Every structure is written in structure tokens, then in C-alpha cells.
Amino acid sequence: MPQPLNDRQQQVLQWVGRGCPDGVWEGTGHKLSCRALQSRGLVKVSKRQGQWSAVLTNAGQRYLDHGAHPPDQPHSRNTSPLQRAGAQSPSAPSGQQSSAEVATSVPAQRTSSPPRKRAKTVTEQLLEELAEAGGRIVKREASGRETEKWPIRVAAARRSGKIPETKELHAGWCNDGYEIRLVDTPAWRLAVLSPVPVPARLTTPHSVVKSLQSHPQPMALTKSVQGRAFRLIHAVLTTTQKLGYASAFGTAESATAPHRRRNGPPHFTITAQGQRCDFLILQEQDRADHIPTKKELADAEKHSWVRIPRYDHSPSERLRICVSGGLRHRAGEWADTAARPLEDQLAEIVQEVGLRGEAAERKRLADLEAAREKRYRWEAAMQRAKIDYAEAARVQRLESQEEAWRRAAGLSEYIAALRLHAQTLPHGPDRDGAEAWIAWADSHVQRLNPLNGTLRLPDIPEPRAADLQPFLRGWSVYGPG
């Protein structure tokens, strides 16, 4: 008995039954569910002239009517037409068999098994799981070996050709395991690029090309490829110039060592929306097995530090263009291949320069917005710090008044004891001196007691930078930083 549909598959099946109205689903996840329904025989999916469509089959309509797969009919799968014909002739005489019964008497004892359903591939299972999960899953198996298989499976899924053209499969390790995401393909990757025209010969080369041509061995290229390199550079520079990008000459020299050639100074630069892209033109090398000479063999036998090279390298006719600077989108290098020469890839290079410029502009605007937001939060923190400083000053004044009041109350009690003691003294200098002391002490207590003054909110002094710093909660008093 087939497994029942899950909730999402039932919703997609009902949507197909309503005629696939627009505005119900976002993205293309429902199309993956339709593929799963098609594998069960409930839906038929077709794509003609770029138009995608899906319709219910009879089995799909029966599933909607009954809410489950209908039971198999015994005569529909396990009974042949001749057997059904024999079953419909009960009127044959007793002891005699009809021709149909004779023809089917032997095979009637054998029933044909139903066709086996094709097992789903790992890629199909992965795409269905992503569709059900909304485009993101995290694999964290109990066994570490099982989890380690998923990078290989994702790579196989990318090569399978079953991922929709408008989707991309991204994967990588995260804290929870191996994350797999099915995301929309960026619009720039689906854009149809206009080819960049490359002149057959240079009559009026670009100014940067003229600067490169003025050197005896520009860009460390051999004579056989210099002309083509100049024409490729001219095509890129003139096309980007029409787009409003600025270009400048870098250097005609290049580091020739293989391990340093990509780190050399740029041959020329193109700046788009403030983002400078550095260009290097490199000549590919052909490698061949090195045949040791007699001298090399003799030197290696004589000296232990002598190493005979394994390969010989010679300049080829192939070129490579390296682009650095900014956020990479398509690639950072383009090279001649048997299927695609550099002339066919110049449109991608021009697009890459524009994409890096757009990314730099978005980052610049985002940085401005972030700086503006940071300053706003700093100003709010400064305002709160001034309020907190004023409140702390009032609390400090209140606590000092309470301390003075308690001290005055204690002194008043002591002065009362002094008066009692002074009354016991005989009249004379001692008593006069005690009364003078008591009078001064009483006036001092009156001045000390805050209740004898005017009660009001204290004046808050203008805070200094050091006064506000304790209330800024990590911010600096001198700016947002």
C-alpha cells in the first residue's frame, strides 16, 4: 500500500486540482513537490516552450475524492485479458472447457507481480526534503561518518542537472552540523550578456594599451601572444569606458616567477563606482617531463644538494586574465580553454567589474547608514548619561543633607548635656566660658542642620567629560568611534 501524502504534498495536490492559480506559492518549492506527486502517478507535469504546467491524473482525482490511495483492483493488475475473458464464460458445459479456459488453464496458475516502483535517488530525496523544509536543512547524524558523506552528495546533486535553473544549492559546515540550502539564483547570473567585440587589428588603441606597447617586453609576454593580449585589453577597456568606468595604466612589467606572478603589480586598473579592480595578464606555461642532461646527472652524483627538475616549462599560446580587488562574484581568473577562448569570456569580466562596483557602492551606503545609526545611538547614550549624572548629583546632595541632619541632631543632644552641666558650675569665669562655648556650638548646629535652610532642587553643575564617562555604558564621551 503506498504511503499517504504529507500535509504539503496534499496542499500542492489540491492546488493542482484547482487549476494551478497564481499567487499561491513563492519560489519554486511547489514544483519539486509536483515532481514527487508525478512519481506517484498523481500529477502530470510538463514544460513546453518555457511554460510550466501540471494537471491531475485519474489517480490524483481519486485521491482528492477519497483522501487516500484507492485499493488495487485484482483484475487490473494480476489478471490478463485472456483470464478475464475466461472468467466471463461460465456457460460452458460441465466437464468441457472453453477455448479460452484451455488457453489460459496453465498460465492461470501464475500471477504476474506488479511493476516495481523505481527507488528515488539521493539527489531526489534531498530536493524533496529541502522543498518540505522550506529550503534549509541541517544534517547532524548520530554517526560522524554519515555526516561526512553529505558534501559528496551535495556535489553529486549539483552535477545531476536536477536542480532547477532558478535555484542554487549551497552547503557548508555550521555549529549544528552540515547546512544545506536551496536558494534563488542571483539575477546577475541569469542575465544574458552581450558579447564584447574584439577588433581584428588595432588601428587606434586605447591610451592604456599605448602605454603597454611602449615597453620592449610588455607584461613579460612573448611576441607571439602580445598582439592578441593588446586586442583583448583594448576590448575590455573600451567597453567599460562606455559604461562610465575609469581606467589607468599600472605597469608593463610582471613578476615572472610562477609562485609570484599573481602577486605582481597590476598591468592596468579599472574603477567602477569607487571600487578599483587590478588586472594582470599572464601567459600560461606548458609542462613536459624533463630529460636530464649528462652534466646534470654527473652533478647530482657528485653533489648531494643538486636536484634535477622533474619538468620543463615553456610559454604557451594561452592567456589568463586575473582580476583582484572588491567582492568577487563570478570568479577572479579567466583563462583560455579548448571549449571557450578568452574572447568569449570578456562579457563576464566586464560584468564582474560592474558587480564589484555595485557591491562596493552598497557597502559604502551601508557603512554610511551604520555610521549614522551609531552616531544616533551615541547621542542618545550621551543624553541618558547627562540625565543619570544629574540624578546622581541630586542623590549625592540628599545623602549629604541626611548625614548633616544626623550629625546636627547628635550635636544638639550633646549641647543639651553641656547646658545641664554648665548650670552646675558656680558663677564666675568657668561658667561664663562654658556658656560662651555653648552659644557658639548652638549657632554652629543651627547652620549645620539642613532643615534650617531653604529646601529646593539643587543646581546641577555643567558636567565635564570625566563626570559623564561612568554613565555611558561602554561608549566614549569623545564620540561614537
Protein backbone atom coordinates (compact mmCIF):
# COMPACT_ATOMS: atom_id res chain seq x y z
CA MET A 1 0.00 0.00 0.00
CA PRO A 2 1.56 3.40 -0.96
CA GLN A 3 2.44 5.78 1.82
CA PRO A 4 -0.09 8.62 2.40
CA LEU A 5 0.85 12.15 1.31
CA ASN A 6 2.19 14.63 3.83
CA ASP A 7 0.48 17.96 4.51
CA ARG A 8 2.47 19.98 1.96
CA GLN A 9 2.01 17.39 -0.78
CA GLN A 10 -1.76 17.35 -0.12
CA GLN A 11 -1.84 21.16 -0.36
CA VAL A 12 0.05 21.08 -3.66
CA LEU A 13 -2.25 18.33 -4.98
CA GLN A 14 -5.32 20.42 -4.09
CA TRP A 15 -3.69 23.45 -5.76
CA VAL A 16 -3.19 21.45 -8.97
CA GLY A 17 -6.80 20.29 -8.74
CA ARG A 18 -7.93 23.94 -8.68
CA GLY A 19 -6.08 24.61 -11.92
CA CYS A 20 -2.77 25.95 -10.52
CA PRO A 21 -3.94 29.52 -9.71
CA ASP A 22 -1.25 32.21 -9.47
CA GLY A 23 -0.16 33.95 -6.30
CA VAL A 24 -0.37 30.91 -4.01
CA TRP A 25 3.27 29.78 -3.80
CA GLU A 26 6.52 31.70 -3.54
CA GLY A 27 9.66 30.40 -5.23
CA THR A 28 9.80 27.02 -6.94
CA GLY A 29 9.46 24.66 -3.98
CA HIS A 30 5.96 23.62 -5.07
CA LYS A 31 7.38 22.42 -8.38
CA LEU A 32 9.61 19.98 -6.53
CA SER A 33 6.56 18.68 -4.68
CA CYS A 34 4.82 18.26 -8.04
CA ARG A 35 7.71 16.11 -9.18
CA ALA A 36 7.22 13.91 -6.13
CA LEU A 37 3.48 13.67 -6.90
CA GLN A 38 4.28 12.82 -10.51
CA SER A 39 6.49 9.93 -9.36
CA ARG A 40 3.43 8.57 -7.53
CA GLY A 41 1.26 8.89 -10.62
CA LEU A 42 -1.00 11.57 -9.13
CA VAL A 43 0.12 14.54 -11.24
CA LYS A 44 1.45 15.01 -14.75
CA VAL A 45 4.00 17.82 -15.13
CA SER A 46 5.00 19.28 -18.49
CA LYS A 47 7.11 22.18 -19.71
CA ARG A 48 6.57 23.32 -23.27
CA GLN A 49 8.03 26.46 -24.82
CA GLY A 50 9.20 27.63 -21.41
CA GLN A 51 5.71 27.32 -19.84
CA TRP A 52 5.43 25.05 -16.81
CA SER A 53 2.10 23.29 -16.18
CA ALA A 54 0.69 20.50 -14.03
CA VAL A 55 -2.60 18.56 -14.26
CA LEU A 56 -4.24 15.85 -12.17
CA THR A 57 -4.26 12.26 -13.31
CA ASN A 58 -7.21 9.95 -12.66
CA ALA A 59 -5.37 8.56 -9.66
CA GLY A 60 -4.80 12.09 -8.35
CA GLN A 61 -8.52 12.93 -8.71
CA ARG A 62 -9.45 9.73 -6.87
CA TYR A 63 -7.02 10.66 -4.09
CA LEU A 64 -8.70 14.07 -3.72
CA ASP A 65 -12.14 12.44 -3.71
CA HIS A 66 -11.33 9.75 -1.13
CA GLY A 67 -8.42 11.29 0.80
CA ALA A 68 -6.30 8.17 0.28
CA HIS A 69 -4.96 5.88 -2.42
CA PRO A 70 -7.79 3.65 -3.79
CA PRO A 71 -7.40 -0.10 -3.18
CA ASP A 72 -5.91 -2.08 -6.07
CA GLN A 73 -8.44 -3.89 -8.27
CA PRO A 74 -7.46 -7.57 -8.64
CA HIS A 75 -8.39 -7.73 -12.33
CA SER A 76 -6.50 -4.55 -13.18
CA ARG A 77 -3.02 -5.81 -12.34
CA ASN A 78 -2.85 -9.53 -11.73
CA THR A 79 -5.27 -10.81 -14.38
CA SER A 80 -4.55 -10.94 -18.08
CA PRO A 81 -7.18 -10.18 -20.74
CA LEU A 82 -7.47 -13.87 -21.63
CA GLN A 83 -8.09 -14.76 -17.98
CA ARG A 84 -10.81 -12.12 -17.75
CA ALA A 85 -12.37 -13.46 -20.94
CA GLY A 86 -12.38 -16.98 -19.47
CA ALA A 87 -13.92 -15.79 -16.27
CA GLN A 88 -16.86 -14.36 -18.21
CA SER A 89 -17.90 -17.70 -19.85
CA PRO A 90 -19.48 -19.78 -17.05
CA SER A 91 -21.99 -21.27 -19.52
CA ALA A 92 -19.59 -23.92 -20.86
CA PRO A 93 -20.93 -27.49 -20.37
CA SER A 94 -19.84 -29.45 -17.34
CA GLY A 95 -16.72 -31.50 -17.97
CA GLN A 96 -15.84 -29.43 -21.01
CA GLN A 97 -13.57 -26.43 -21.15
CA SER A 98 -13.97 -23.48 -23.40
CA SER A 99 -11.17 -22.49 -25.74
CA ALA A 100 -10.39 -19.52 -23.53
CA GLU A 101 -10.22 -21.78 -20.48
CA VAL A 102 -7.94 -24.22 -22.30
CA ALA A 103 -5.70 -21.40 -23.48
CA THR A 104 -5.42 -19.97 -20.02
CA SER A 105 -5.53 -23.06 -17.85
CA VAL A 106 -1.78 -23.24 -17.44
CA PRO A 107 -0.89 -19.56 -17.03
CA ALA A 108 -3.89 -19.03 -14.75
CA GLN A 109 -1.91 -20.70 -12.02
CA ARG A 110 0.76 -17.99 -12.27
CA THR A 111 0.08 -14.35 -11.39
CA SER A 112 2.23 -11.52 -12.70
CA SER A 113 3.77 -9.35 -9.98
CA PRO A 114 3.06 -5.61 -10.12
CA PRO A 115 5.83 -3.44 -11.60
CA ARG A 116 8.36 -2.41 -9.02
CA LYS A 117 8.47 1.29 -8.24
CA ARG A 118 11.79 2.96 -9.07
CA ALA A 119 13.71 3.87 -5.97
CA LYS A 120 14.42 7.56 -5.53
CA THR A 121 17.98 8.73 -5.88
CA VAL A 122 19.78 10.54 -3.09
CA THR A 123 19.51 13.77 -5.10
CA GLU A 124 15.73 13.39 -5.50
CA GLN A 125 15.33 12.65 -1.79
CA LEU A 126 17.47 15.68 -0.93
CA LEU A 127 15.48 18.04 -3.16
CA GLU A 128 12.18 16.77 -1.76
CA GLU A 129 13.43 17.19 1.80
CA LEU A 130 14.57 20.74 1.04
CA ALA A 131 11.19 21.55 -0.51
CA GLU A 132 9.37 20.24 2.56
CA ALA A 133 11.67 22.14 4.95
CA GLY A 134 11.36 25.47 3.17
CA GLY A 135 14.78 25.40 1.51
CA ARG A 136 17.09 24.78 4.50
CA ILE A 137 18.10 21.64 6.37
CA VAL A 138 20.93 20.81 8.74
CA LYS A 139 22.36 17.30 8.71
CA ARG A 140 23.62 16.10 12.08
CA GLU A 141 23.70 12.33 12.08
CA ALA A 142 24.45 10.15 15.07
CA SER A 143 27.42 8.76 13.20
CA GLY A 144 30.12 11.20 12.15
CA ARG A 145 30.89 9.13 9.05
CA GLU A 146 27.31 9.53 7.83
CA THR A 147 27.53 13.31 8.15
CA GLU A 148 30.83 13.40 6.25
CA LYS A 149 29.09 11.89 3.21
CA TRP A 150 26.87 14.93 2.67
CA PRO A 151 29.49 17.18 0.97
CA ILE A 152 29.96 14.41 -1.62
CA ARG A 153 26.19 14.04 -2.06
CA VAL A 154 25.73 17.78 -2.49
CA ALA A 155 28.46 17.84 -5.14
CA ALA A 156 26.72 14.96 -6.95
CA ALA A 157 23.39 16.82 -6.76
CA ARG A 158 24.95 19.87 -8.40
CA ARG A 159 26.22 17.71 -11.26
CA SER A 160 22.96 15.80 -11.66
CA GLY A 161 21.16 18.52 -13.64
CA LYS A 162 18.02 18.07 -11.49
CA ILE A 163 18.34 21.37 -9.67
CA PRO A 164 16.01 23.99 -11.24
CA GLU A 165 17.71 26.67 -13.31
CA THR A 166 16.45 29.37 -10.98
CA LYS A 167 17.89 27.68 -7.87
CA GLU A 168 21.34 27.09 -6.43
CA LEU A 169 22.45 24.53 -3.87
CA HIS A 170 24.65 25.99 -1.14
CA ALA A 171 26.20 23.91 1.61
CA GLY A 172 28.77 24.23 4.38
CA TRP A 173 29.59 23.31 7.93
CA CYS A 174 27.96 25.20 10.79
CA ASN A 175 27.79 24.84 14.56
CA ASP A 176 24.83 22.46 14.35
CA GLY A 177 26.20 20.20 11.61
CA TYR A 178 26.23 20.36 7.81
CA GLU A 179 23.88 23.04 6.50
CA ILE A 180 22.29 22.64 3.04
CA ARG A 181 20.28 25.46 1.47
CA LEU A 182 18.36 25.76 -1.79
CA VAL A 183 18.36 29.46 -2.66
CA ASP A 184 17.26 31.56 -5.60
CA THR A 185 19.86 32.08 -8.30
CA PRO A 186 21.03 35.73 -8.36
CA ALA A 187 19.59 37.74 -11.21
CA TRP A 188 23.05 38.68 -12.46
CA ARG A 189 23.89 35.02 -13.02
CA LEU A 190 20.78 34.53 -15.19
CA ALA A 191 21.34 37.71 -17.18
CA VAL A 192 22.01 37.37 -20.92
CA LEU A 193 25.31 39.13 -21.58
CA SER A 194 26.08 40.93 -24.81
CA PRO A 195 29.35 39.77 -26.35
CA VAL A 196 32.31 42.15 -26.19
CA PRO A 197 33.63 42.88 -29.69
CA VAL A 198 37.36 42.25 -30.12
CA PRO A 199 38.97 44.08 -33.06
CA ALA A 200 40.85 42.04 -35.63
CA ARG A 201 43.64 44.64 -35.57
CA LEU A 202 44.35 47.77 -33.53
CA THR A 203 44.26 50.98 -35.54
CA THR A 204 43.58 53.43 -32.68
CA PRO A 205 44.44 51.58 -29.46
CA HIS A 206 43.28 52.74 -26.05
CA SER A 207 45.67 55.04 -24.19
CA VAL A 208 46.44 52.32 -21.63
CA VAL A 209 47.25 49.92 -24.46
CA LYS A 210 49.58 52.51 -25.97
CA SER A 211 51.42 52.77 -22.65
CA LEU A 212 51.81 49.00 -22.54
CA GLN A 213 53.01 48.84 -26.14
CA SER A 214 55.78 51.34 -25.46
CA HIS A 215 57.83 48.80 -23.49
CA PRO A 216 60.17 46.25 -25.13
CA GLN A 217 58.56 43.19 -23.49
CA PRO A 218 55.22 44.32 -22.08
CA MET A 219 53.69 42.19 -19.33
CA ALA A 220 56.52 39.66 -19.75
CA LEU A 221 54.67 38.13 -22.71
CA THR A 222 56.30 36.55 -25.73
CA LYS A 223 55.94 38.19 -29.14
CA SER A 224 53.53 35.50 -30.35
CA VAL A 225 50.78 36.47 -27.88
CA GLN A 226 51.38 40.21 -27.39
CA GLY A 227 49.15 41.30 -30.27
CA ARG A 228 46.21 39.22 -29.08
CA ALA A 229 46.71 40.39 -25.49
CA PHE A 230 46.61 44.04 -26.60
CA ARG A 231 43.39 43.45 -28.54
CA LEU A 232 41.74 41.75 -25.55
CA ILE A 233 42.78 44.57 -23.21
CA HIS A 234 41.55 47.17 -25.72
CA ALA A 235 38.16 45.43 -25.95
CA VAL A 236 37.72 45.37 -22.15
CA LEU A 237 38.84 48.99 -21.70
CA THR A 238 36.66 50.45 -24.45
CA THR A 239 33.60 48.51 -23.27
CA THR A 240 34.00 49.56 -19.64
CA GLN A 241 34.69 53.13 -20.72
CA LYS A 242 31.27 53.24 -22.42
CA LEU A 243 29.77 52.16 -19.09
CA GLY A 244 31.35 55.13 -17.34
CA TYR A 245 34.20 53.28 -15.64
CA ALA A 246 37.65 54.87 -15.29
CA SER A 247 40.87 53.10 -16.28
CA ALA A 248 44.53 53.73 -15.61
CA PHE A 249 47.90 52.34 -16.60
CA GLY A 250 49.70 50.24 -13.99
CA THR A 251 52.98 48.75 -15.10
CA ALA A 252 54.28 46.94 -18.14
CA GLU A 253 56.42 44.58 -16.05
CA SER A 254 55.35 41.48 -14.16
CA ALA A 255 56.88 39.05 -11.73
CA THR A 256 57.89 36.09 -13.86
CA ALA A 257 58.37 33.53 -11.10
CA PRO A 258 55.39 31.13 -11.12
CA HIS A 259 54.83 31.46 -7.38
CA ARG A 260 54.86 35.27 -7.55
CA ARG A 261 53.23 36.17 -10.83
CA ARG A 262 49.75 36.69 -9.33
CA ASN A 263 51.19 38.97 -6.64
CA GLY A 264 52.88 41.36 -9.06
CA PRO A 265 51.79 44.95 -9.64
CA PRO A 266 48.75 45.34 -11.91
CA HIS A 267 49.20 45.98 -15.61
CA PHE A 268 46.16 48.27 -15.60
CA THR A 269 43.20 49.13 -13.37
CA ILE A 270 39.50 49.76 -13.92
CA THR A 271 37.48 51.67 -11.32
CA ALA A 272 33.70 51.27 -11.13
CA GLN A 273 31.69 53.26 -8.55
CA GLY A 274 34.80 53.85 -6.45
CA GLN A 275 35.95 50.24 -6.49
CA ARG A 276 39.33 49.69 -8.15
CA CYS A 277 39.94 46.36 -9.88
CA ASP A 278 43.53 45.37 -10.65
CA PHE A 279 44.18 43.42 -13.86
CA LEU A 280 47.07 41.07 -14.60
CA ILE A 281 47.60 39.42 -18.00
CA LEU A 282 49.56 36.18 -17.66
CA GLN A 283 50.88 33.73 -20.21
CA GLU A 284 50.18 30.09 -19.44
CA GLN A 285 53.00 27.56 -19.33
CA ASP A 286 53.16 24.13 -20.94
CA ARG A 287 54.75 21.41 -18.86
CA ALA A 288 56.78 18.48 -20.16
CA ASP A 289 58.84 15.80 -18.47
CA HIS A 290 62.44 16.90 -18.04
CA ILE A 291 65.11 14.74 -19.64
CA PRO A 292 68.28 15.03 -17.52
CA THR A 293 71.45 16.00 -19.30
CA LYS A 294 74.77 14.25 -18.75
CA LYS A 295 76.05 17.23 -16.81
CA GLU A 296 73.01 17.23 -14.52
CA LEU A 297 73.42 13.51 -13.86
CA ALA A 298 77.10 13.95 -13.12
CA ASP A 299 76.49 16.93 -10.82
CA ALA A 300 73.71 15.07 -8.96
CA GLU A 301 76.00 12.10 -8.45
CA LYS A 302 78.84 14.29 -7.29
CA HIS A 303 76.90 16.68 -5.03
CA SER A 304 74.07 15.62 -2.73
CA TRP A 305 72.39 19.05 -2.81
CA VAL A 306 71.89 19.07 -6.58
CA ARG A 307 68.26 18.43 -7.56
CA ILE A 308 67.30 17.57 -11.11
CA PRO A 309 63.98 19.24 -12.07
CA ARG A 310 61.12 16.89 -12.90
CA TYR A 311 59.50 19.10 -15.56
CA ASP A 312 60.39 21.65 -18.19
CA HIS A 313 58.10 24.68 -18.64
CA SER A 314 57.70 26.61 -21.86
CA PRO A 315 55.40 29.56 -22.76
CA SER A 316 52.17 28.53 -24.46
CA GLU A 317 49.73 30.43 -26.66
CA ARG A 318 47.11 30.50 -23.88
CA LEU A 319 46.46 33.62 -21.80
CA ARG A 320 44.97 34.19 -18.37
CA ILE A 321 43.31 37.35 -17.00
CA CYS A 322 43.41 37.84 -13.22
CA VAL A 323 41.16 40.39 -11.51
CA SER A 324 41.62 41.40 -7.87
CA GLY A 325 40.02 43.98 -5.64
CA GLY A 326 36.48 44.18 -4.33
CA LEU A 327 33.95 41.45 -3.63
CA ARG A 328 34.27 38.54 -6.05
CA HIS A 329 31.08 37.31 -7.74
CA ARG A 330 31.68 35.09 -10.76
CA ALA A 331 35.38 34.42 -10.47
CA GLY A 332 38.78 36.02 -10.01
CA GLU A 333 40.51 34.47 -13.04
CA TRP A 334 39.56 33.68 -16.62
CA ALA A 335 41.74 31.55 -18.92
CA ASP A 336 41.75 30.15 -22.43
CA THR A 337 40.26 26.66 -22.66
CA ALA A 338 39.62 24.33 -25.56
CA ALA A 339 35.88 25.00 -25.32
CA ARG A 340 35.95 28.75 -24.55
CA PRO A 341 38.67 31.18 -25.57
CA LEU A 342 39.05 34.42 -23.66
CA GLU A 343 37.21 36.31 -26.42
CA ASP A 344 34.01 34.51 -25.36
CA GLN A 345 34.58 35.31 -21.67
CA LEU A 346 35.18 39.06 -21.87
CA ALA A 347 31.48 39.78 -21.24
CA GLU A 348 31.74 38.00 -17.88
CA ILE A 349 34.84 40.02 -17.00
CA VAL A 350 33.06 43.30 -17.81
CA GLN A 351 30.06 42.19 -15.78
CA GLU A 352 32.35 41.21 -12.90
CA VAL A 353 33.82 44.73 -12.77
CA GLY A 354 30.33 46.22 -12.65
CA LEU A 355 29.17 43.77 -9.96
CA ARG A 356 32.15 44.59 -7.78
CA GLY A 357 31.46 48.29 -8.21
CA GLU A 358 27.81 47.83 -7.27
CA ALA A 359 28.81 45.77 -4.23
CA ALA A 360 31.25 48.49 -3.18
CA GLU A 361 28.55 51.15 -3.55
CA ARG A 362 26.11 49.10 -1.49
CA LYS A 363 28.77 48.66 1.18
CA ARG A 364 29.53 52.38 1.15
CA LEU A 365 25.87 53.25 1.62
CA ALA A 366 25.51 50.56 4.28
CA ASP A 367 28.58 51.92 6.10
CA LEU A 368 27.13 55.43 5.98
CA GLU A 369 23.84 54.18 7.36
CA ALA A 370 25.64 52.18 10.04
CA ALA A 371 27.73 55.23 11.00
CA ARG A 372 24.59 57.38 11.09
CA GLU A 373 22.83 54.83 13.27
CA LYS A 374 25.87 54.54 15.53
CA ARG A 375 26.06 58.30 16.00
CA TYR A 376 22.34 58.39 16.77
CA ARG A 377 22.81 55.74 19.45
CA TRP A 378 25.84 57.60 20.82
CA GLU A 379 23.90 60.84 21.06
CA ALA A 380 21.10 59.00 22.83
CA ALA A 381 23.67 57.49 25.22
CA MET A 382 25.10 60.95 25.90
CA GLN A 383 21.64 62.29 26.65
CA ARG A 384 20.96 59.42 29.04
CA ALA A 385 24.36 59.95 30.66
CA LYS A 386 23.57 63.61 31.38
CA ILE A 387 20.25 62.64 32.92
CA ASP A 388 21.91 59.93 35.00
CA TYR A 389 24.64 62.37 36.06
CA ALA A 390 22.05 64.92 37.25
CA GLU A 391 20.16 62.24 39.12
CA ALA A 392 23.35 61.02 40.78
CA ALA A 393 24.18 64.63 41.81
CA ARG A 394 20.77 65.03 43.46
CA VAL A 395 21.14 61.73 45.28
CA GLN A 396 24.56 62.77 46.48
CA ARG A 397 23.19 66.11 47.75
CA LEU A 398 20.31 64.33 49.53
CA GLU A 399 22.64 61.86 51.21
CA SER A 400 24.97 64.68 52.35
CA GLN A 401 21.97 66.55 53.81
CA GLU A 402 20.82 63.43 55.64
CA GLU A 403 24.30 62.96 57.02
CA ALA A 404 24.43 66.63 58.14
CA TRP A 405 20.99 66.34 59.72
CA ARG A 406 22.00 63.28 61.73
CA ARG A 407 25.21 64.99 62.79
CA ALA A 408 23.28 68.12 63.83
CA ALA A 409 20.83 66.01 65.84
CA GLY A 410 23.73 64.35 67.66
CA LEU A 411 25.42 67.63 68.36
CA SER A 412 22.14 69.15 69.65
CA GLU A 413 21.86 66.33 72.16
CA TYR A 414 25.43 66.95 73.26
CA ILE A 415 24.77 70.71 73.60
CA ALA A 416 21.76 69.99 75.81
CA ALA A 417 24.04 67.92 78.07
CA LEU A 418 26.51 70.83 78.09
CA ARG A 419 23.78 73.21 79.32
CA LEU A 420 22.86 70.90 82.17
CA HIS A 421 26.50 70.66 83.12
CA ALA A 422 27.02 74.45 82.91
CA GLN A 423 24.15 75.01 85.36
CA THR A 424 26.08 73.08 87.95
CA LEU A 425 29.09 75.37 87.69
CA PRO A 426 29.47 78.29 90.12
CA HIS A 427 29.17 81.79 88.79
CA GLY A 428 32.47 83.02 87.60
CA PRO A 429 34.93 82.67 84.75
CA ASP A 430 34.40 78.93 84.30
CA ARG A 431 30.65 79.26 83.89
CA ASP A 432 30.99 82.28 81.62
CA GLY A 433 33.43 80.41 79.41
CA ALA A 434 31.14 77.34 79.26
CA GLU A 435 28.15 79.44 78.28
CA ALA A 436 30.16 81.18 75.53
CA TRP A 437 31.21 77.82 74.15
CA ILE A 438 27.62 76.53 74.29
CA ALA A 439 26.36 79.63 72.45
CA TRP A 440 28.88 79.15 69.61
CA ALA A 441 28.14 75.44 69.39
CA ASP A 442 24.41 76.10 69.21
CA SER A 443 24.83 78.57 66.36
CA HIS A 444 27.08 76.08 64.55
CA VAL A 445 24.46 73.34 64.83
CA GLN A 446 21.81 75.72 63.52
CA ARG A 447 23.95 76.39 60.45
CA LEU A 448 24.73 72.67 60.05
CA ASN A 449 21.12 71.48 60.17
CA PRO A 450 19.71 71.49 56.57
CA LEU A 451 16.17 71.89 57.91
CA ASN A 452 17.02 75.44 58.89
CA GLY A 453 17.75 76.40 55.26
CA THR A 454 15.64 76.64 52.09
CA LEU A 455 14.65 73.23 50.71
CA ARG A 456 14.65 73.04 46.87
CA LEU A 457 16.14 71.07 44.00
CA PRO A 458 19.87 71.67 43.92
CA ASP A 459 21.53 73.33 40.93
CA ILE A 460 23.37 70.79 38.75
CA PRO A 461 26.81 71.94 37.59
CA GLU A 462 27.78 71.53 33.95
CA PRO A 463 29.31 68.06 33.66
CA ARG A 464 32.85 67.52 32.47
CA ALA A 465 33.95 64.65 30.25
CA ALA A 466 35.23 62.68 33.22
CA ASP A 467 31.88 63.22 35.00
CA LEU A 468 29.86 61.62 32.17
CA GLN A 469 32.15 58.69 31.36
CA PRO A 470 30.91 56.45 34.22
CA PHE A 471 27.33 56.72 32.88
CA LEU A 472 28.00 55.97 29.16
CA ARG A 473 27.88 52.16 29.45
CA GLY A 474 30.85 51.47 27.22
CA TRP A 475 30.56 54.45 24.88
CA SER A 476 33.29 57.07 24.70
CA VAL A 477 32.49 60.61 25.74
CA TYR A 478 34.51 61.92 22.78
CA GLY A 479 32.43 60.36 20.02
CA PRO A 480 30.90 57.17 18.63
CA GLY A 481 34.33 55.96 17.48
